[in-house]
Amino acid sequence: MKKRRLVLRSEARLELEQAVTWYEAQVPDLGRQFRAEVYRTFDNIIARPELYPMSHGATRKAVLRRFPYLIFYLVETNRVVIVAVFHAKRDPADLAGRP
């Protein structure tokens, strides 16, 4: 099977960058560690997209191990679309407007 490519929606990219900045301001190097965990999770999603449970409709949810973040994504034929890099304490209703 052909490997799917990863597409990071602009909202998800912004959430990721904001979280990296916040963690880096808390403790030096923590932002880098957060980004590394997110990208490891992206690699896992690409390798086995059906591994993570369905969340809302066709959206799936991966939970980070070390940080309180969720990655919401859609699996398409040739790609995986990251819809959100979402803090676990945020209201899931915030995702309702995202296709």
PDB file of N, CA and C in Angstrom:
ATOM      1  N   MET A   1       0.836  -1.184   0.000  1.00  0.00           N
ATOM      2  CA  MET A   1       0.000   0.000   0.000  1.00  0.00           C
ATOM      3  C   MET A   1       0.882   1.251   0.000  1.00  0.00           C
ATOM      4  N   LYS A   2       0.490   2.216  -0.798  1.00  0.00           N
ATOM      5  CA  LYS A   2       1.234   3.463  -0.898  1.00  0.00           C
ATOM      6  C   LYS A   2       1.071   4.269   0.390  1.00  0.00           C
ATOM      7  N   LYS A   3       2.169   4.858   0.825  1.00  0.00           N
ATOM      8  CA  LYS A   3       2.142   5.659   2.051  1.00  0.00           C
ATOM      9  C   LYS A   3       1.344   6.944   1.807  1.00  0.00           C
ATOM     10  N   ARG A   4       0.469   7.248   2.743  1.00  0.00           N
ATOM     11  CA  ARG A   4      -0.296   8.493   2.660  1.00  0.00           C
ATOM     12  C   ARG A   4       0.597   9.668   3.032  1.00  0.00           C
ATOM     13  N   ARG A   5       0.288  10.820   2.464  1.00  0.00           N
ATOM     14  CA  ARG A   5       1.042  12.011   2.856  1.00  0.00           C
ATOM     15  C   ARG A   5       0.259  12.750   3.940  1.00  0.00           C
ATOM     16  N   LEU A   6       0.973  13.498   4.735  1.00  0.00           N
ATOM     17  CA  LEU A   6       0.390  14.244   5.845  1.00  0.00           C
ATOM     18  C   LEU A   6       0.107  15.670   5.400  1.00  0.00           C
ATOM     19  N   VAL A   7      -1.096  16.139   5.685  1.00  0.00           N
ATOM     20  CA  VAL A   7      -1.477  17.517   5.413  1.00  0.00           C
ATOM     21  C   VAL A   7      -1.885  18.136   6.737  1.00  0.00           C
ATOM     22  N   LEU A   8      -1.265  19.245   7.076  1.00  0.00           N
ATOM     23  CA  LEU A   8      -1.545  19.941   8.327  1.00  0.00           C
ATOM     24  C   LEU A   8      -2.341  21.194   7.989  1.00  0.00           C
ATOM     25  N   ARG A   9      -3.604  21.217   8.381  1.00  0.00           N
ATOM     26  CA  ARG A   9      -4.425  22.399   8.109  1.00  0.00           C
ATOM     27  C   ARG A   9      -3.867  23.611   8.840  1.00  0.00           C
ATOM     28  N   SER A  10      -4.155  24.790   8.323  1.00  0.00           N
ATOM     29  CA  SER A  10      -3.577  26.018   8.882  1.00  0.00           C
ATOM     30  C   SER A  10      -3.947  26.212  10.347  1.00  0.00           C
ATOM     31  N   GLU A  11      -5.182  25.865  10.733  1.00  0.00           N
ATOM     32  CA  GLU A  11      -5.588  26.002  12.139  1.00  0.00           C
ATOM     33  C   GLU A  11      -4.749  25.091  13.027  1.00  0.00           C
ATOM     34  N   ALA A  12      -4.517  23.867  12.566  1.00  0.00           N
ATOM     35  CA  ALA A  12      -3.721  22.908  13.336  1.00  0.00           C
ATOM     36  C   ALA A  12      -2.274  23.372  13.436  1.00  0.00           C
ATOM     37  N   ARG A  13      -1.731  23.911  12.344  1.00  0.00           N
ATOM     38  CA  ARG A  13      -0.348  24.420  12.357  1.00  0.00           C
ATOM     39  C   ARG A  13      -0.222  25.560  13.365  1.00  0.00           C
ATOM     40  N   LEU A  14      -1.197  26.458  13.369  1.00  0.00           N
ATOM     41  CA  LEU A  14      -1.188  27.579  14.314  1.00  0.00           C
ATOM     42  C   LEU A  14      -1.270  27.072  15.758  1.00  0.00           C
ATOM     43  N   GLU A  15      -2.152  26.111  16.026  1.00  0.00           N
ATOM     44  CA  GLU A  15      -2.267  25.541  17.378  1.00  0.00           C
ATOM     45  C   GLU A  15      -0.954  24.903  17.809  1.00  0.00           C
ATOM     46  N   LEU A  16      -0.313  24.189  16.903  1.00  0.00           N
ATOM     47  CA  LEU A  16       0.964  23.550  17.208  1.00  0.00           C
ATOM     48  C   LEU A  16       2.016  24.605  17.549  1.00  0.00           C
ATOM     49  N   GLU A  17       2.127  25.633  16.730  1.00  0.00           N
ATOM     50  CA  GLU A  17       3.146  26.663  16.958  1.00  0.00           C
ATOM     51  C   GLU A  17       2.882  27.441  18.249  1.00  0.00           C
ATOM     52  N   GLN A  18       1.611  27.714  18.535  1.00  0.00           N
ATOM     53  CA  GLN A  18       1.283  28.408  19.784  1.00  0.00           C
ATOM     54  C   GLN A  18       1.648  27.561  20.994  1.00  0.00           C
ATOM     55  N   ALA A  19       1.383  26.267  20.928  1.00  0.00           N
ATOM     56  CA  ALA A  19       1.718  25.379  22.045  1.00  0.00           C
ATOM     57  C   ALA A  19       3.230  25.277  22.224  1.00  0.00           C
ATOM     58  N   VAL A  20       3.964  25.162  21.116  1.00  0.00           N
ATOM     59  CA  VAL A  20       5.430  25.103  21.198  1.00  0.00           C
ATOM     60  C   VAL A  20       5.954  26.364  21.871  1.00  0.00           C
ATOM     61  N   THR A  21       5.458  27.513  21.457  1.00  0.00           N
ATOM     62  CA  THR A  21       5.887  28.788  22.041  1.00  0.00           C
ATOM     63  C   THR A  21       5.576  28.844  23.528  1.00  0.00           C
ATOM     64  N   TRP A  22       4.381  28.409  23.902  1.00  0.00           N
ATOM     65  CA  TRP A  22       3.990  28.433  25.311  1.00  0.00           C
ATOM     66  C   TRP A  22       4.894  27.519  26.138  1.00  0.00           C
ATOM     67  N   TYR A  23       5.106  26.278  25.677  1.00  0.00           N
ATOM     68  CA  TYR A  23       5.950  25.345  26.427  1.00  0.00           C
ATOM     69  C   TYR A  23       7.387  25.854  26.522  1.00  0.00           C
ATOM     70  N   GLU A  24       7.879  26.450  25.454  1.00  0.00           N
ATOM     71  CA  GLU A  24       9.248  26.954  25.467  1.00  0.00           C
ATOM     72  C   GLU A  24       9.397  28.097  26.475  1.00  0.00           C
ATOM     73  N   ALA A  25       8.343  28.895  26.640  1.00  0.00           N
ATOM     74  CA  ALA A  25       8.376  29.990  27.621  1.00  0.00           C
ATOM     75  C   ALA A  25       8.341  29.466  29.054  1.00  0.00           C
ATOM     76  N   GLN A  26       7.799  28.267  29.241  1.00  0.00           N
ATOM     77  CA  GLN A  26       7.723  27.688  30.579  1.00  0.00           C
ATOM     78  C   GLN A  26       9.072  27.135  31.023  1.00  0.00           C
ATOM     79  N   VAL A  27       9.670  26.330  30.150  1.00  0.00           N
ATOM     80  CA  VAL A  27      10.949  25.672  30.455  1.00  0.00           C
ATOM     81  C   VAL A  27      11.743  25.587  29.155  1.00  0.00           C
ATOM     82  N   PRO A  28      12.986  26.061  29.153  1.00  0.00           N
ATOM     83  CA  PRO A  28      13.786  25.947  27.937  1.00  0.00           C
ATOM     84  C   PRO A  28      13.846  24.498  27.452  1.00  0.00           C
ATOM     85  N   ASP A  29      13.678  24.309  26.149  1.00  0.00           N
ATOM     86  CA  ASP A  29      13.726  23.015  25.462  1.00  0.00           C
ATOM     87  C   ASP A  29      12.411  22.235  25.550  1.00  0.00           C
ATOM     88  N   LEU A  30      11.475  22.656  26.399  1.00  0.00           N
ATOM     89  CA  LEU A  30      10.217  21.918  26.508  1.00  0.00           C
ATOM     90  C   LEU A  30       9.380  22.049  25.230  1.00  0.00           C
ATOM     91  N   GLY A  31       9.456  23.194  24.584  1.00  0.00           N
ATOM     92  CA  GLY A  31       8.749  23.372  23.315  1.00  0.00           C
ATOM     93  C   GLY A  31       9.252  22.410  22.255  1.00  0.00           C
ATOM     94  N   ARG A  32      10.579  22.244  22.195  1.00  0.00           N
ATOM     95  CA  ARG A  32      11.164  21.288  21.248  1.00  0.00           C
ATOM     96  C   ARG A  32      10.709  19.872  21.559  1.00  0.00           C
ATOM     97  N   GLN A  33      10.654  19.531  22.841  1.00  0.00           N
ATOM     98  CA  GLN A  33      10.212  18.193  23.235  1.00  0.00           C
ATOM     99  C   GLN A  33       8.745  17.965  22.858  1.00  0.00           C
ATOM    100  N   PHE A  34       7.930  18.991  23.045  1.00  0.00           N
ATOM    101  CA  PHE A  34       6.525  18.898  22.663  1.00  0.00           C
ATOM    102  C   PHE A  34       6.404  18.665  21.153  1.00  0.00           C
ATOM    103  N   ARG A  35       7.110  19.476  20.372  1.00  0.00           N
ATOM    104  CA  ARG A  35       7.060  19.331  18.909  1.00  0.00           C
ATOM    105  C   ARG A  35       7.506  17.924  18.493  1.00  0.00           C
ATOM    106  N   ALA A  36       8.564  17.421  19.126  1.00  0.00           N
ATOM    107  CA  ALA A  36       9.062  16.081  18.799  1.00  0.00           C
ATOM    108  C   ALA A  36       7.996  15.021  19.075  1.00  0.00           C
ATOM    109  N   GLU A  37       7.286  15.155  20.190  1.00  0.00           N
ATOM    110  CA  GLU A  37       6.237  14.176  20.482  1.00  0.00           C
ATOM    111  C   GLU A  37       5.096  14.274  19.479  1.00  0.00           C
ATOM    112  N   VAL A  38       4.729  15.489  19.111  1.00  0.00           N
ATOM    113  CA  VAL A  38       3.673  15.664  18.110  1.00  0.00           C
ATOM    114  C   VAL A  38       4.085  15.005  16.795  1.00  0.00           C
ATOM    115  N   TYR A  39       5.314  15.229  16.361  1.00  0.00           N
ATOM    116  CA  TYR A  39       5.759  14.656  15.095  1.00  0.00           C
ATOM    117  C   TYR A  39       5.919  13.136  15.162  1.00  0.00           C
ATOM    118  N   ARG A  40       6.279  12.586  16.315  1.00  0.00           N
ATOM    119  CA  ARG A  40       6.287  11.124  16.477  1.00  0.00           C
ATOM    120  C   ARG A  40       4.874  10.579  16.327  1.00  0.00           C
ATOM    121  N   THR A  41       3.915  11.306  16.902  1.00  0.00           N
ATOM    122  CA  THR A  41       2.517  10.878  16.787  1.00  0.00           C
ATOM    123  C   THR A  41       2.054  10.989  15.339  1.00  0.00           C
ATOM    124  N   PHE A  42       2.450  12.044  14.640  1.00  0.00           N
ATOM    125  CA  PHE A  42       2.134  12.149  13.213  1.00  0.00           C
ATOM    126  C   PHE A  42       2.674  10.931  12.464  1.00  0.00           C
ATOM    127  N   ASP A  43       3.917  10.527  12.757  1.00  0.00           N
ATOM    128  CA  ASP A  43       4.505   9.353  12.107  1.00  0.00           C
ATOM    129  C   ASP A  43       3.686   8.098  12.387  1.00  0.00           C
ATOM    130  N   ASN A  44       3.232   7.939  13.638  1.00  0.00           N
ATOM    131  CA  ASN A  44       2.395   6.785  13.991  1.00  0.00           C
ATOM    132  C   ASN A  44       1.075   6.816  13.236  1.00  0.00           C
ATOM    133  N   ILE A  45       0.498   7.998  13.121  1.00  0.00           N
ATOM    134  CA  ILE A  45      -0.777   8.146  12.410  1.00  0.00           C
ATOM    135  C   ILE A  45      -0.597   7.757  10.943  1.00  0.00           C
ATOM    136  N   ILE A  46       0.466   8.229  10.313  1.00  0.00           N
ATOM    137  CA  ILE A  46       0.725   7.900   8.906  1.00  0.00           C
ATOM    138  C   ILE A  46       0.933   6.396   8.743  1.00  0.00           C
ATOM    139  N   ALA A  47       1.684   5.786   9.655  1.00  0.00           N
ATOM    140  CA  ALA A  47       1.995   4.356   9.558  1.00  0.00           C
ATOM    141  C   ALA A  47       0.763   3.487   9.780  1.00  0.00           C
ATOM    142  N   ARG A  48      -0.087   3.890  10.726  1.00  0.00           N
ATOM    143  CA  ARG A  48      -1.260   3.074  11.064  1.00  0.00           C
ATOM    144  C   ARG A  48      -2.439   3.975  11.414  1.00  0.00           C
ATOM    145  N   PRO A  49      -3.040   4.615  10.432  1.00  0.00           N
ATOM    146  CA  PRO A  49      -4.088   5.605  10.713  1.00  0.00           C
ATOM    147  C   PRO A  49      -5.330   5.037  11.395  1.00  0.00           C
ATOM    148  N   GLU A  50      -5.599   3.767  11.196  1.00  0.00           N
ATOM    149  CA  GLU A  50      -6.782   3.178  11.816  1.00  0.00           C
ATOM    150  C   GLU A  50      -6.551   2.763  13.266  1.00  0.00           C
ATOM    151  N   LEU A  51      -5.321   2.931  13.747  1.00  0.00           N
ATOM    152  CA  LEU A  51      -4.974   2.560  15.121  1.00  0.00           C
ATOM    153  C   LEU A  51      -5.760   3.368  16.149  1.00  0.00           C
ATOM    154  N   TYR A  52      -5.994   4.622  15.859  1.00  0.00           N
ATOM    155  CA  TYR A  52      -6.619   5.514  16.827  1.00  0.00           C
ATOM    156  C   TYR A  52      -8.138   5.514  16.651  1.00  0.00           C
ATOM    157  N   PRO A  53      -8.879   5.731  17.747  1.00  0.00           N
ATOM    158  CA  PRO A  53     -10.343   5.609  17.699  1.00  0.00           C
ATOM    159  C   PRO A  53     -11.027   6.766  16.970  1.00  0.00           C
ATOM    160  N   MET A  54     -12.218   6.454  16.487  1.00  0.00           N
ATOM    161  CA  MET A  54     -13.061   7.476  15.888  1.00  0.00           C
ATOM    162  C   MET A  54     -13.493   8.422  16.999  1.00  0.00           C
ATOM    163  N   SER A  55     -13.679   9.689  16.636  1.00  0.00           N
ATOM    164  CA  SER A  55     -14.071  10.682  17.618  1.00  0.00           C
ATOM    165  C   SER A  55     -15.408  11.316  17.270  1.00  0.00           C
ATOM    166  N   HIS A  56     -15.445  12.096  16.209  1.00  0.00           N
ATOM    167  CA  HIS A  56     -16.674  12.748  15.749  1.00  0.00           C
ATOM    168  C   HIS A  56     -16.803  12.471  14.262  1.00  0.00           C
ATOM    169  N   GLY A  57     -17.867  11.822  13.853  1.00  0.00           N
ATOM    170  CA  GLY A  57     -18.033  11.504  12.432  1.00  0.00           C
ATOM    171  C   GLY A  57     -16.863  10.678  11.940  1.00  0.00           C
ATOM    172  N   ALA A  58     -16.191  11.148  10.902  1.00  0.00           N
ATOM    173  CA  ALA A  58     -15.046  10.435  10.328  1.00  0.00           C
ATOM    174  C   ALA A  58     -13.725  10.848  10.970  1.00  0.00           C
ATOM    175  N   THR A  59     -13.769  11.747  11.935  1.00  0.00           N
ATOM    176  CA  THR A  59     -12.546  12.242  12.580  1.00  0.00           C
ATOM    177  C   THR A  59     -12.044  11.242  13.610  1.00  0.00           C
ATOM    178  N   ARG A  60     -10.738  11.038  13.617  1.00  0.00           N
ATOM    179  CA  ARG A  60     -10.091  10.173  14.605  1.00  0.00           C
ATOM    180  C   ARG A  60      -9.298  11.033  15.573  1.00  0.00           C
ATOM    181  N   LYS A  61      -8.983  10.439  16.736  1.00  0.00           N
ATOM    182  CA  LYS A  61      -8.313  11.185  17.802  1.00  0.00           C
ATOM    183  C   LYS A  61      -7.131  10.393  18.340  1.00  0.00           C
ATOM    184  N   ALA A  62      -5.949  11.027  18.307  1.00  0.00           N
ATOM    185  CA  ALA A  62      -4.751  10.459  18.915  1.00  0.00           C
ATOM    186  C   ALA A  62      -4.422  11.293  20.150  1.00  0.00           C
ATOM    187  N   VAL A  63      -4.084  10.610  21.236  1.00  0.00           N
ATOM    188  CA  VAL A  63      -3.759  11.282  22.495  1.00  0.00           C
ATOM    189  C   VAL A  63      -2.243  11.244  22.676  1.00  0.00           C
ATOM    190  N   LEU A  64      -1.643  12.415  22.935  1.00  0.00           N
ATOM    191  CA  LEU A  64      -0.210  12.440  23.223  1.00  0.00           C
ATOM    192  C   LEU A  64       0.033  11.803  24.583  1.00  0.00           C
ATOM    193  N   ARG A  65       1.181  11.178  24.742  1.00  0.00           N
ATOM    194  CA  ARG A  65       1.497  10.494  26.000  1.00  0.00           C
ATOM    195  C   ARG A  65       1.930  11.459  27.098  1.00  0.00           C
ATOM    196  N   ARG A  66       2.814  12.360  26.773  1.00  0.00           N
ATOM    197  CA  ARG A  66       3.445  13.198  27.800  1.00  0.00           C
ATOM    198  C   ARG A  66       2.737  14.530  28.021  1.00  0.00           C
ATOM    199  N   PHE A  67       2.096  15.036  27.010  1.00  0.00           N
ATOM    200  CA  PHE A  67       1.477  16.353  27.069  1.00  0.00           C
ATOM    201  C   PHE A  67      -0.038  16.212  26.944  1.00  0.00           C
ATOM    202  N   PRO A  68      -0.796  17.122  27.551  1.00  0.00           N
ATOM    203  CA  PRO A  68      -2.266  17.008  27.518  1.00  0.00           C
ATOM    204  C   PRO A  68      -2.854  17.553  26.208  1.00  0.00           C
ATOM    205  N   TYR A  69      -2.480  16.906  25.114  1.00  0.00           N
ATOM    206  CA  TYR A  69      -2.934  17.334  23.792  1.00  0.00           C
ATOM    207  C   TYR A  69      -3.516  16.165  23.022  1.00  0.00           C
ATOM    208  N   LEU A  70      -4.452  16.503  22.158  1.00  0.00           N
ATOM    209  CA  LEU A  70      -5.113  15.549  21.281  1.00  0.00           C
ATOM    210  C   LEU A  70      -4.857  15.986  19.844  1.00  0.00           C
ATOM    211  N   ILE A  71      -4.684  15.024  18.977  1.00  0.00           N
ATOM    212  CA  ILE A  71      -4.554  15.319  17.552  1.00  0.00           C
ATOM    213  C   ILE A  71      -5.775  14.718  16.862  1.00  0.00           C
ATOM    214  N   PHE A  72      -6.543  15.584  16.238  1.00  0.00           N
ATOM    215  CA  PHE A  72      -7.717  15.145  15.488  1.00  0.00           C
ATOM    216  C   PHE A  72      -7.352  15.123  14.009  1.00  0.00           C
ATOM    217  N   TYR A  73      -7.753  14.040  13.323  1.00  0.00           N
ATOM    218  CA  TYR A  73      -7.370  13.907  11.922  1.00  0.00           C
ATOM    219  C   TYR A  73      -8.404  13.116  11.129  1.00  0.00           C
ATOM    220  N   LEU A  74      -8.319  13.277   9.816  1.00  0.00           N
ATOM    221  CA  LEU A  74      -9.170  12.555   8.869  1.00  0.00           C
ATOM    222  C   LEU A  74      -8.279  11.679   8.002  1.00  0.00           C
ATOM    223  N   VAL A  75      -8.749  10.468   7.718  1.00  0.00           N
ATOM    224  CA  VAL A  75      -8.022   9.566   6.837  1.00  0.00           C
ATOM    225  C   VAL A  75      -8.703   9.608   5.470  1.00  0.00           C
ATOM    226  N   GLU A  76      -7.940   9.982   4.465  1.00  0.00           N
ATOM    227  CA  GLU A  76      -8.426   9.999   3.091  1.00  0.00           C
ATOM    228  C   GLU A  76      -7.623   8.983   2.294  1.00  0.00           C
ATOM    229  N   THR A  77      -7.999   8.762   1.064  1.00  0.00           N
ATOM    230  CA  THR A  77      -7.358   7.734   0.247  1.00  0.00           C
ATOM    231  C   THR A  77      -5.846   7.899   0.168  1.00  0.00           C
ATOM    232  N   ASN A  78      -5.380   9.085  -0.147  1.00  0.00           N
ATOM    233  CA  ASN A  78      -3.947   9.304  -0.362  1.00  0.00           C
ATOM    234  C   ASN A  78      -3.292  10.198   0.676  1.00  0.00           C
ATOM    235  N   ARG A  79      -4.062  10.613   1.669  1.00  0.00           N
ATOM    236  CA  ARG A  79      -3.480  11.529   2.650  1.00  0.00           C
ATOM    237  C   ARG A  79      -4.187  11.414   3.991  1.00  0.00           C
ATOM    238  N   VAL A  80      -3.497  11.925   5.001  1.00  0.00           N
ATOM    239  CA  VAL A  80      -4.061  12.087   6.335  1.00  0.00           C
ATOM    240  C   VAL A  80      -4.071  13.584   6.600  1.00  0.00           C
ATOM    241  N   VAL A  81      -5.233  14.112   6.978  1.00  0.00           N
ATOM    242  CA  VAL A  81      -5.389  15.539   7.188  1.00  0.00           C
ATOM    243  C   VAL A  81      -5.483  15.809   8.686  1.00  0.00           C
ATOM    244  N   ILE A  82      -4.522  16.550   9.216  1.00  0.00           N
ATOM    245  CA  ILE A  82      -4.546  16.932  10.630  1.00  0.00           C
ATOM    246  C   ILE A  82      -5.454  18.145  10.742  1.00  0.00           C
ATOM    247  N   VAL A  83      -6.552  17.965  11.475  1.00  0.00           N
ATOM    248  CA  VAL A  83      -7.566  19.004  11.620  1.00  0.00           C
ATOM    249  C   VAL A  83      -7.252  19.906  12.810  1.00  0.00           C
ATOM    250  N   ALA A  84      -6.717  19.314  13.896  1.00  0.00           N
ATOM    251  CA  ALA A  84      -6.469  20.097  15.105  1.00  0.00           C
ATOM    252  C   ALA A  84      -5.360  19.470  15.938  1.00  0.00           C
ATOM    253  N   VAL A  85      -4.592  20.340  16.587  1.00  0.00           N
ATOM    254  CA  VAL A  85      -3.655  19.962  17.646  1.00  0.00           C
ATOM    255  C   VAL A  85      -4.228  20.687  18.853  1.00  0.00           C
ATOM    256  N   PHE A  86      -4.950  19.953  19.674  1.00  0.00           N
ATOM    257  CA  PHE A  86      -5.960  20.501  20.569  1.00  0.00           C
ATOM    258  C   PHE A  86      -5.642  20.198  22.022  1.00  0.00           C
ATOM    259  N   HIS A  87      -5.584  21.218  22.869  1.00  0.00           N
ATOM    260  CA  HIS A  87      -5.365  20.982  24.303  1.00  0.00           C
ATOM    261  C   HIS A  87      -6.549  20.202  24.860  1.00  0.00           C
ATOM    262  N   ALA A  88      -6.279  19.220  25.692  1.00  0.00           N
ATOM    263  CA  ALA A  88      -7.315  18.316  26.195  1.00  0.00           C
ATOM    264  C   ALA A  88      -8.365  19.011  27.055  1.00  0.00           C
ATOM    265  N   LYS A  89      -8.054  20.170  27.616  1.00  0.00           N
ATOM    266  CA  LYS A  89      -9.026  20.874  28.458  1.00  0.00           C
ATOM    267  C   LYS A  89      -9.921  21.828  27.665  1.00  0.00           C
ATOM    268  N   ARG A  90      -9.645  21.976  26.380  1.00  0.00           N
ATOM    269  CA  ARG A  90     -10.499  22.842  25.558  1.00  0.00           C
ATOM    270  C   ARG A  90     -11.833  22.159  25.301  1.00  0.00           C
ATOM    271  N   ASP A  91     -12.817  22.959  25.009  1.00  0.00           N
ATOM    272  CA  ASP A  91     -14.153  22.456  24.715  1.00  0.00           C
ATOM    273  C   ASP A  91     -14.171  21.857  23.313  1.00  0.00           C
ATOM    274  N   PRO A  92     -14.519  20.573  23.191  1.00  0.00           N
ATOM    275  CA  PRO A  92     -14.577  19.938  21.865  1.00  0.00           C
ATOM    276  C   PRO A  92     -15.536  20.634  20.900  1.00  0.00           C
ATOM    277  N   ALA A  93     -16.463  21.406  21.429  1.00  0.00           N
ATOM    278  CA  ALA A  93     -17.387  22.148  20.564  1.00  0.00           C
ATOM    279  C   ALA A  93     -16.627  23.155  19.696  1.00  0.00           C
ATOM    280  N   ASP A  94     -15.421  23.548  20.127  1.00  0.00           N
ATOM    281  CA  ASP A  94     -14.603  24.453  19.321  1.00  0.00           C
ATOM    282  C   ASP A  94     -14.236  23.852  17.972  1.00  0.00           C
ATOM    283  N   LEU A  95     -14.310  22.535  17.867  1.00  0.00           N
ATOM    284  CA  LEU A  95     -13.980  21.860  16.616  1.00  0.00           C
ATOM    285  C   LEU A  95     -15.157  21.822  15.642  1.00  0.00           C
ATOM    286  N   ALA A  96     -16.339  22.135  16.123  1.00  0.00           N
ATOM    287  CA  ALA A  96     -17.552  21.952  15.322  1.00  0.00           C
ATOM    288  C   ALA A  96     -17.513  22.686  13.986  1.00  0.00           C
ATOM    289  N   GLY A  97     -16.894  23.838  13.907  1.00  0.00           N
ATOM    290  CA  GLY A  97     -16.865  24.587  12.669  1.00  0.00           C
ATOM    291  C   GLY A  97     -15.810  24.145  11.679  1.00  0.00           C
ATOM    292  N   ARG A  98     -14.987  23.162  12.052  1.00  0.00           N
ATOM    293  CA  ARG A  98     -13.915  22.714  11.165  1.00  0.00           C
ATOM    294  C   ARG A  98     -14.398  21.549  10.306  1.00  0.00           C
ATOM    295  N   PRO A  99     -14.193  21.685   9.014  1.00  0.00           N
ATOM    296  CA  PRO A  99     -14.601  20.578   8.123  1.00  0.00           C
ATOM    297  C   PRO A  99     -13.693  19.374   8.275  1.00  0.00           C
TER     298      PRO A  99
END
